Amino acid sequence: MHDMYIPCNTVDVCSSGGLSNLLYQCSLPEKLKPQDDEPAKVMLRIYGQIIRENPDTVVTDSVIFSALAEKNMGPKLYGVFTGGRVEEYLDVSTVKPALKTTCI
């Protein structure tokens, strides 16, 4: 992949305690075109305090995410690094309140 990805906006900022993940949507500059199967946008996940404090949680989370990605049951996994991972960016919207149901 290009090493030219740039963070363009924060999707979810951690709480003041820093317990949740930081998520950044990163994209190639407009002047660069993706190469081969390279994505134009990715999601950069920086683990929050809860996951960082428990190494077993990091391993479990990474294994489950990787397995789901391999079976096309979740976003693709592009890379893992100490403290986070790079995932496929999915441009989606949430279900509108009128479409939600309370019974299962």
Protein backbone atom coordinates (compact mmCIF):
# COMPACT_ATOMS: atom_id res chain seq x y z
CA MET A 1 0.00 0.00 0.00
CA HIS A 2 1.01 3.59 -0.45
CA ASP A 3 2.62 5.18 2.56
CA MET A 4 0.75 8.34 1.62
CA TYR A 5 -2.53 7.74 3.51
CA ILE A 6 -3.58 10.81 5.43
CA PRO A 7 -6.07 11.00 8.32
CA CYS A 8 -9.00 13.08 7.12
CA ASN A 9 -11.40 13.02 10.05
CA THR A 10 -12.04 11.45 13.43
CA VAL A 11 -14.97 9.07 13.38
CA ASP A 12 -15.14 8.27 17.10
CA VAL A 13 -13.16 10.16 19.69
CA CYS A 14 -12.36 8.46 22.98
CA SER A 15 -14.05 9.58 26.16
CA SER A 16 -12.14 11.77 28.59
CA GLY A 17 -10.99 8.62 30.40
CA GLY A 18 -9.48 7.27 27.17
CA LEU A 19 -11.20 3.89 27.47
CA SER A 20 -12.64 3.47 23.99
CA ASN A 21 -10.86 3.10 20.67
CA LEU A 22 -9.87 5.99 18.47
CA LEU A 23 -11.05 5.49 14.89
CA TYR A 24 -9.71 7.49 11.97
CA GLN A 25 -10.87 7.39 8.38
CA CYS A 26 -7.71 7.70 6.27
CA SER A 27 -7.58 8.15 2.52
CA LEU A 28 -5.12 8.61 -0.27
CA PRO A 29 -4.64 12.19 -1.46
CA GLU A 30 -6.87 12.89 -4.48
CA LYS A 31 -3.85 13.10 -6.80
CA LEU A 32 -2.88 9.46 -6.06
CA LYS A 33 -4.85 6.54 -7.47
CA PRO A 34 -5.01 3.19 -5.63
CA GLN A 35 -2.65 0.50 -6.95
CA ASP A 36 -4.07 -2.94 -7.85
CA ASP A 37 -6.43 -4.04 -5.05
CA GLU A 38 -5.34 -1.23 -2.75
CA PRO A 39 -8.23 0.63 -1.07
CA ALA A 40 -8.64 4.39 -1.47
CA LYS A 41 -9.87 4.64 2.15
CA VAL A 42 -9.06 2.66 5.29
CA MET A 43 -10.06 2.78 8.94
CA LEU A 44 -7.20 3.21 11.41
CA ARG A 45 -8.10 1.80 14.85
CA ILE A 46 -5.95 2.82 17.82
CA TYR A 47 -6.78 0.64 20.82
CA GLY A 48 -8.10 2.37 23.91
CA GLN A 49 -7.03 1.87 27.50
CA ILE A 50 -9.28 -1.15 28.20
CA ILE A 51 -7.77 -3.27 25.44
CA ARG A 52 -4.19 -2.04 25.92
CA GLU A 53 -4.23 -2.97 29.61
CA ASN A 54 -5.06 -6.62 28.92
CA PRO A 55 -2.78 -8.41 26.42
CA ASP A 56 -5.15 -11.40 26.29
CA THR A 57 -7.94 -9.11 25.11
CA VAL A 58 -5.73 -7.78 22.30
CA VAL A 59 -4.96 -11.30 21.10
CA THR A 60 -8.58 -12.46 21.36
CA ASP A 61 -9.88 -9.36 19.58
CA SER A 62 -7.30 -9.70 16.79
CA VAL A 63 -7.97 -13.42 16.25
CA ILE A 64 -11.75 -12.97 16.14
CA PHE A 65 -11.53 -9.93 13.83
CA SER A 66 -9.11 -11.76 11.52
CA ALA A 67 -11.31 -14.89 11.36
CA LEU A 68 -14.42 -12.85 10.53
CA ALA A 69 -12.51 -10.89 7.88
CA GLU A 70 -11.23 -14.10 6.23
CA LYS A 71 -14.78 -15.44 5.99
CA ASN A 72 -16.09 -12.14 4.55
CA MET A 73 -18.25 -11.67 7.63
CA GLY A 74 -16.72 -8.33 8.57
CA PRO A 75 -14.38 -5.62 7.31
CA LYS A 76 -11.11 -6.74 5.70
CA LEU A 77 -8.00 -6.65 7.85
CA TYR A 78 -5.15 -4.81 6.11
CA GLY A 79 -2.61 -4.75 8.92
CA VAL A 80 -1.93 -5.11 12.62
CA PHE A 81 0.58 -3.15 14.66
CA THR A 82 1.34 -2.66 18.34
CA GLY A 83 -1.55 -0.60 19.63
CA GLY A 84 -4.03 -1.04 16.81
CA ARG A 85 -4.87 -2.20 13.31
CA VAL A 86 -5.79 -1.01 9.80
CA GLU A 87 -9.22 -2.16 8.58
CA GLU A 88 -11.42 -1.84 5.53
CA TYR A 89 -13.45 1.38 5.56
CA LEU A 90 -17.14 0.62 5.11
CA ASP A 91 -19.21 3.61 4.06
CA VAL A 92 -22.53 2.79 5.75
CA SER A 93 -25.32 4.51 7.60
CA THR A 94 -27.17 3.44 10.72
CA VAL A 95 -30.71 2.10 10.76
CA LYS A 96 -33.24 4.90 11.06
CA PRO A 97 -35.29 4.85 14.30
CA ALA A 98 -38.53 4.20 12.37
CA LEU A 99 -37.04 0.94 11.02
CA LYS A 100 -35.88 -0.43 14.37
CA THR A 101 -37.97 -3.12 16.02
CA THR A 102 -38.23 -3.83 19.71
CA CYS A 103 -39.26 -7.50 19.47
CA ILE A 104 -36.99 -10.31 18.43
